[in-house]
Amino acid sequence: MTTNNHPITPPPELVEDWIELAKPLPQRPPNPGEFATLAACWGADQELEACLVEVSFFGSRVLADKIRNTRRPTLPSLKDRIAAAITDGDERKALKLLEELDDSL
């Protein structure tokens, strides 16, 4: 095990949020797997951002943004996914996405 002089420690409020998110139902204890996943994602995000600060300092902000967008892509909106399915001629997928859109209204 290595010694870390600057540990990444989440704030207590965030840990409390994770505990609530990890509960499958009210009045149940948190799911350790879900809690671990939330903590691991948070830690990975902290490390990525720290690395990107260095990349942008020594290199290019454009490169840092490209790395961030590649490592943490955002899901296209439902509207964009419907449009892509229609463009691709995938009627079944487009109809399924339209049902999701209807359910979200």
N, C-alpha and C. Protein backbone atom coordinates (compact mmCIF):
# COMPACT_ATOMS: atom_id res chain seq x y z
N MET A 1 0.84 -1.18 0.00
CA MET A 1 0.00 0.00 0.00
C MET A 1 0.89 1.24 0.00
N THR A 2 0.53 2.20 -0.80
CA THR A 2 1.35 3.41 -0.89
C THR A 2 0.86 4.45 0.10
N THR A 3 1.76 5.32 0.46
CA THR A 3 1.41 6.43 1.35
C THR A 3 1.00 7.61 0.48
N ASN A 4 -0.14 8.18 0.78
CA ASN A 4 -0.64 9.32 0.01
C ASN A 4 -0.63 10.55 0.91
N ASN A 5 0.16 11.53 0.54
CA ASN A 5 0.25 12.75 1.34
C ASN A 5 -0.96 13.65 1.18
N HIS A 6 -1.70 13.48 0.09
CA HIS A 6 -2.87 14.32 -0.18
C HIS A 6 -4.05 13.43 -0.56
N PRO A 7 -4.65 12.78 0.43
CA PRO A 7 -5.75 11.87 0.09
C PRO A 7 -6.96 12.63 -0.44
N ILE A 8 -7.67 11.97 -1.30
CA ILE A 8 -8.91 12.53 -1.82
C ILE A 8 -10.01 12.08 -0.86
N THR A 9 -10.54 13.00 -0.10
CA THR A 9 -11.56 12.68 0.89
C THR A 9 -12.83 13.45 0.56
N PRO A 10 -13.94 12.75 0.34
CA PRO A 10 -15.19 13.46 0.03
C PRO A 10 -15.73 14.19 1.26
N PRO A 11 -16.42 15.29 1.03
CA PRO A 11 -17.02 16.01 2.16
C PRO A 11 -18.11 15.17 2.82
N PRO A 12 -18.31 15.32 4.13
CA PRO A 12 -19.31 14.52 4.84
C PRO A 12 -20.72 14.63 4.25
N GLU A 13 -21.07 15.82 3.75
CA GLU A 13 -22.41 16.00 3.17
C GLU A 13 -22.60 15.11 1.95
N LEU A 14 -21.53 14.96 1.15
CA LEU A 14 -21.60 14.11 -0.03
C LEU A 14 -21.74 12.64 0.37
N VAL A 15 -21.02 12.24 1.41
CA VAL A 15 -21.13 10.86 1.91
C VAL A 15 -22.56 10.59 2.37
N GLU A 16 -23.17 11.54 3.05
CA GLU A 16 -24.56 11.38 3.49
C GLU A 16 -25.49 11.23 2.28
N ASP A 17 -25.25 12.01 1.24
CA ASP A 17 -26.06 11.88 0.01
C ASP A 17 -25.89 10.48 -0.59
N TRP A 18 -24.66 9.98 -0.61
CA TRP A 18 -24.41 8.65 -1.15
C TRP A 18 -25.13 7.58 -0.35
N ILE A 19 -25.14 7.73 0.97
CA ILE A 19 -25.83 6.76 1.82
C ILE A 19 -27.30 6.70 1.45
N GLU A 20 -27.90 7.87 1.24
CA GLU A 20 -29.32 7.90 0.85
C GLU A 20 -29.53 7.31 -0.54
N LEU A 21 -28.65 7.63 -1.48
CA LEU A 21 -28.78 7.11 -2.84
C LEU A 21 -28.56 5.60 -2.89
N ALA A 22 -27.76 5.08 -1.97
CA ALA A 22 -27.44 3.65 -1.97
C ALA A 22 -28.52 2.80 -1.31
N LYS A 23 -29.52 3.45 -0.69
CA LYS A 23 -30.62 2.69 -0.07
C LYS A 23 -31.61 2.29 -1.15
N PRO A 24 -31.82 0.99 -1.35
CA PRO A 24 -32.77 0.58 -2.38
C PRO A 24 -34.20 0.96 -2.03
N LEU A 25 -34.54 0.91 -0.76
CA LEU A 25 -35.87 1.29 -0.29
C LEU A 25 -35.72 2.00 1.05
N PRO A 26 -36.69 2.86 1.41
CA PRO A 26 -36.61 3.50 2.73
C PRO A 26 -36.54 2.45 3.84
N GLN A 27 -35.91 2.78 4.90
CA GLN A 27 -35.76 1.93 6.08
C GLN A 27 -34.89 0.70 5.82
N ARG A 28 -34.08 0.72 4.79
CA ARG A 28 -33.14 -0.37 4.54
C ARG A 28 -31.73 0.18 4.64
N PRO A 29 -30.79 -0.67 4.99
CA PRO A 29 -29.40 -0.20 5.02
C PRO A 29 -28.90 0.05 3.59
N PRO A 30 -27.88 0.88 3.45
CA PRO A 30 -27.34 1.14 2.13
C PRO A 30 -26.76 -0.12 1.49
N ASN A 31 -26.79 -0.15 0.17
CA ASN A 31 -26.19 -1.23 -0.60
C ASN A 31 -24.70 -0.91 -0.73
N PRO A 32 -23.83 -1.74 -0.15
CA PRO A 32 -22.39 -1.42 -0.21
C PRO A 32 -21.85 -1.30 -1.63
N GLY A 33 -22.36 -2.11 -2.54
CA GLY A 33 -21.89 -2.04 -3.93
C GLY A 33 -22.23 -0.71 -4.56
N GLU A 34 -23.44 -0.24 -4.35
CA GLU A 34 -23.87 1.06 -4.90
C GLU A 34 -23.06 2.20 -4.28
N PHE A 35 -22.87 2.11 -2.96
CA PHE A 35 -22.09 3.13 -2.27
C PHE A 35 -20.66 3.17 -2.80
N ALA A 36 -20.06 1.99 -2.98
CA ALA A 36 -18.68 1.92 -3.49
C ALA A 36 -18.59 2.50 -4.90
N THR A 37 -19.61 2.22 -5.72
CA THR A 37 -19.62 2.74 -7.09
C THR A 37 -19.68 4.27 -7.08
N LEU A 38 -20.55 4.83 -6.26
CA LEU A 38 -20.65 6.29 -6.16
C LEU A 38 -19.33 6.91 -5.70
N ALA A 39 -18.71 6.29 -4.71
CA ALA A 39 -17.44 6.81 -4.19
C ALA A 39 -16.33 6.68 -5.23
N ALA A 40 -16.29 5.55 -5.94
CA ALA A 40 -15.26 5.35 -6.96
C ALA A 40 -15.41 6.36 -8.10
N CYS A 41 -16.65 6.60 -8.52
CA CYS A 41 -16.89 7.58 -9.59
C CYS A 41 -16.45 8.97 -9.15
N TRP A 42 -16.78 9.34 -7.92
CA TRP A 42 -16.39 10.65 -7.41
C TRP A 42 -14.86 10.77 -7.39
N GLY A 43 -14.19 9.73 -6.88
CA GLY A 43 -12.73 9.76 -6.82
C GLY A 43 -12.10 9.85 -8.20
N ALA A 44 -12.66 9.09 -9.15
CA ALA A 44 -12.15 9.13 -10.52
C ALA A 44 -12.34 10.52 -11.13
N ASP A 45 -13.48 11.14 -10.85
CA ASP A 45 -13.72 12.49 -11.35
C ASP A 45 -12.72 13.49 -10.75
N GLN A 46 -12.41 13.34 -9.45
CA GLN A 46 -11.45 14.23 -8.81
C GLN A 46 -10.07 14.07 -9.43
N GLU A 47 -9.67 12.82 -9.67
CA GLU A 47 -8.37 12.56 -10.28
C GLU A 47 -8.31 13.11 -11.71
N LEU A 48 -9.38 12.87 -12.47
CA LEU A 48 -9.42 13.38 -13.85
C LEU A 48 -9.27 14.89 -13.86
N GLU A 49 -10.02 15.58 -13.02
CA GLU A 49 -9.94 17.04 -13.00
C GLU A 49 -8.56 17.53 -12.59
N ALA A 50 -7.93 16.84 -11.63
CA ALA A 50 -6.57 17.22 -11.21
C ALA A 50 -5.59 17.05 -12.37
N CYS A 51 -5.73 15.96 -13.10
CA CYS A 51 -4.85 15.73 -14.26
C CYS A 51 -5.08 16.78 -15.33
N LEU A 52 -6.34 17.14 -15.55
CA LEU A 52 -6.66 18.12 -16.59
C LEU A 52 -6.14 19.51 -16.25
N VAL A 53 -6.07 19.82 -14.97
CA VAL A 53 -5.47 21.10 -14.56
C VAL A 53 -4.01 21.13 -15.03
N GLU A 54 -3.30 20.02 -14.82
CA GLU A 54 -1.90 19.95 -15.25
C GLU A 54 -1.78 20.02 -16.77
N VAL A 55 -2.64 19.29 -17.48
CA VAL A 55 -2.60 19.30 -18.95
C VAL A 55 -2.83 20.71 -19.47
N SER A 56 -3.82 21.40 -18.91
CA SER A 56 -4.12 22.74 -19.40
C SER A 56 -3.02 23.73 -19.00
N PHE A 57 -2.35 23.48 -17.87
CA PHE A 57 -1.27 24.38 -17.45
C PHE A 57 -0.05 24.22 -18.34
N PHE A 58 0.31 22.96 -18.63
CA PHE A 58 1.51 22.70 -19.43
C PHE A 58 1.25 22.59 -20.91
N GLY A 59 0.02 22.41 -21.26
CA GLY A 59 -0.28 22.18 -22.67
C GLY A 59 -1.37 23.10 -23.16
N SER A 60 -2.47 22.48 -23.42
CA SER A 60 -3.54 23.20 -24.09
C SER A 60 -4.87 22.97 -23.38
N ARG A 61 -5.61 24.03 -23.22
CA ARG A 61 -6.96 23.92 -22.65
C ARG A 61 -7.86 23.13 -23.60
N VAL A 62 -7.64 23.27 -24.89
CA VAL A 62 -8.41 22.53 -25.88
C VAL A 62 -8.19 21.03 -25.69
N LEU A 63 -6.94 20.63 -25.47
CA LEU A 63 -6.63 19.22 -25.24
C LEU A 63 -7.30 18.73 -23.95
N ALA A 64 -7.26 19.54 -22.91
CA ALA A 64 -7.90 19.16 -21.65
C ALA A 64 -9.41 18.96 -21.84
N ASP A 65 -10.04 19.86 -22.58
CA ASP A 65 -11.48 19.73 -22.84
C ASP A 65 -11.78 18.48 -23.66
N LYS A 66 -10.90 18.18 -24.62
CA LYS A 66 -11.09 16.99 -25.45
C LYS A 66 -10.98 15.72 -24.60
N ILE A 67 -10.01 15.69 -23.70
CA ILE A 67 -9.85 14.53 -22.81
C ILE A 67 -11.08 14.39 -21.92
N ARG A 68 -11.53 15.49 -21.32
CA ARG A 68 -12.70 15.45 -20.44
C ARG A 68 -13.93 14.95 -21.20
N ASN A 69 -14.15 15.46 -22.39
CA ASN A 69 -15.32 15.05 -23.17
C ASN A 69 -15.25 13.59 -23.60
N THR A 70 -14.04 13.09 -23.80
CA THR A 70 -13.86 11.68 -24.17
C THR A 70 -14.06 10.78 -22.95
N ARG A 71 -13.52 11.17 -21.81
CA ARG A 71 -13.60 10.34 -20.60
C ARG A 71 -14.94 10.44 -19.89
N ARG A 72 -15.62 11.57 -20.03
CA ARG A 72 -16.92 11.77 -19.36
C ARG A 72 -17.94 12.29 -20.37
N PRO A 73 -18.27 11.47 -21.38
CA PRO A 73 -19.21 11.94 -22.40
C PRO A 73 -20.60 12.16 -21.80
N THR A 74 -21.30 13.12 -22.36
CA THR A 74 -22.67 13.36 -21.92
C THR A 74 -23.62 12.67 -22.90
N LEU A 75 -24.67 12.10 -22.36
CA LEU A 75 -25.66 11.42 -23.17
C LEU A 75 -26.44 12.46 -23.97
N PRO A 76 -26.62 12.23 -25.27
CA PRO A 76 -27.42 13.18 -26.06
C PRO A 76 -28.84 13.25 -25.48
N SER A 77 -29.48 14.37 -25.68
CA SER A 77 -30.84 14.53 -25.19
C SER A 77 -31.76 13.51 -25.86
N LEU A 78 -32.89 13.26 -25.25
CA LEU A 78 -33.86 12.33 -25.82
C LEU A 78 -34.29 12.80 -27.21
N LYS A 79 -34.47 14.10 -27.34
CA LYS A 79 -34.85 14.68 -28.63
C LYS A 79 -33.79 14.39 -29.70
N ASP A 80 -32.51 14.54 -29.34
CA ASP A 80 -31.42 14.27 -30.28
C ASP A 80 -31.33 12.78 -30.62
N ARG A 81 -31.59 11.91 -29.63
CA ARG A 81 -31.56 10.47 -29.91
C ARG A 81 -32.71 10.06 -30.83
N ILE A 82 -33.87 10.68 -30.67
CA ILE A 82 -35.00 10.41 -31.57
C ILE A 82 -34.66 10.85 -32.99
N ALA A 83 -34.10 12.06 -33.11
CA ALA A 83 -33.72 12.58 -34.43
C ALA A 83 -32.69 11.67 -35.10
N ALA A 84 -31.71 11.18 -34.33
CA ALA A 84 -30.69 10.29 -34.89
C ALA A 84 -31.30 8.97 -35.35
N ALA A 85 -32.26 8.43 -34.57
CA ALA A 85 -32.91 7.18 -34.96
C ALA A 85 -33.70 7.37 -36.25
N ILE A 86 -34.37 8.51 -36.38
CA ILE A 86 -35.12 8.79 -37.61
C ILE A 86 -34.17 8.94 -38.79
N THR A 87 -33.08 9.67 -38.58
CA THR A 87 -32.08 9.86 -39.64
C THR A 87 -31.48 8.52 -40.08
N ASP A 88 -31.26 7.63 -39.11
CA ASP A 88 -30.69 6.31 -39.41
C ASP A 88 -31.72 5.35 -39.99
N GLY A 89 -32.98 5.76 -40.03
CA GLY A 89 -34.04 4.91 -40.55
C GLY A 89 -34.46 3.80 -39.61
N ASP A 90 -34.13 3.95 -38.32
CA ASP A 90 -34.48 2.94 -37.32
C ASP A 90 -35.81 3.32 -36.67
N GLU A 91 -36.89 2.94 -37.35
CA GLU A 91 -38.23 3.33 -36.90
C GLU A 91 -38.57 2.72 -35.55
N ARG A 92 -38.18 1.47 -35.34
CA ARG A 92 -38.48 0.80 -34.07
C ARG A 92 -37.85 1.56 -32.90
N LYS A 93 -36.58 1.94 -33.05
CA LYS A 93 -35.88 2.68 -32.00
C LYS A 93 -36.52 4.05 -31.81
N ALA A 94 -36.86 4.71 -32.90
CA ALA A 94 -37.48 6.04 -32.81
C ALA A 94 -38.80 5.96 -32.05
N LEU A 95 -39.62 4.94 -32.34
CA LEU A 95 -40.90 4.79 -31.64
C LEU A 95 -40.70 4.50 -30.16
N LYS A 96 -39.72 3.67 -29.84
CA LYS A 96 -39.43 3.36 -28.44
C LYS A 96 -39.01 4.64 -27.69
N LEU A 97 -38.16 5.44 -28.32
CA LEU A 97 -37.72 6.69 -27.70
C LEU A 97 -38.87 7.68 -27.57
N LEU A 98 -39.76 7.70 -28.55
CA LEU A 98 -40.94 8.57 -28.45
C LEU A 98 -41.82 8.17 -27.28
N GLU A 99 -41.91 6.88 -27.01
CA GLU A 99 -42.66 6.41 -25.84
C GLU A 99 -42.03 6.92 -24.56
N GLU A 100 -40.70 6.88 -24.50
CA GLU A 100 -39.99 7.42 -23.34
C GLU A 100 -40.28 8.91 -23.17
N LEU A 101 -40.29 9.63 -24.29
CA LEU A 101 -40.57 11.06 -24.26
C LEU A 101 -41.98 11.31 -23.73
N ASP A 102 -42.94 10.52 -24.21
CA ASP A 102 -44.32 10.65 -23.75
C ASP A 102 -44.43 10.38 -22.26
N ASP A 103 -43.70 9.35 -21.77
CA ASP A 103 -43.73 9.01 -20.35
C ASP A 103 -43.12 10.09 -19.47
N SER A 104 -42.17 10.85 -20.03
CA SER A 104 -41.49 11.87 -19.24
C SER A 104 -42.30 13.18 -19.13
N LEU A 105 -43.34 13.29 -19.92
CA LEU A 105 -44.15 14.52 -19.89
C LEU A 105 -45.18 14.50 -18.80
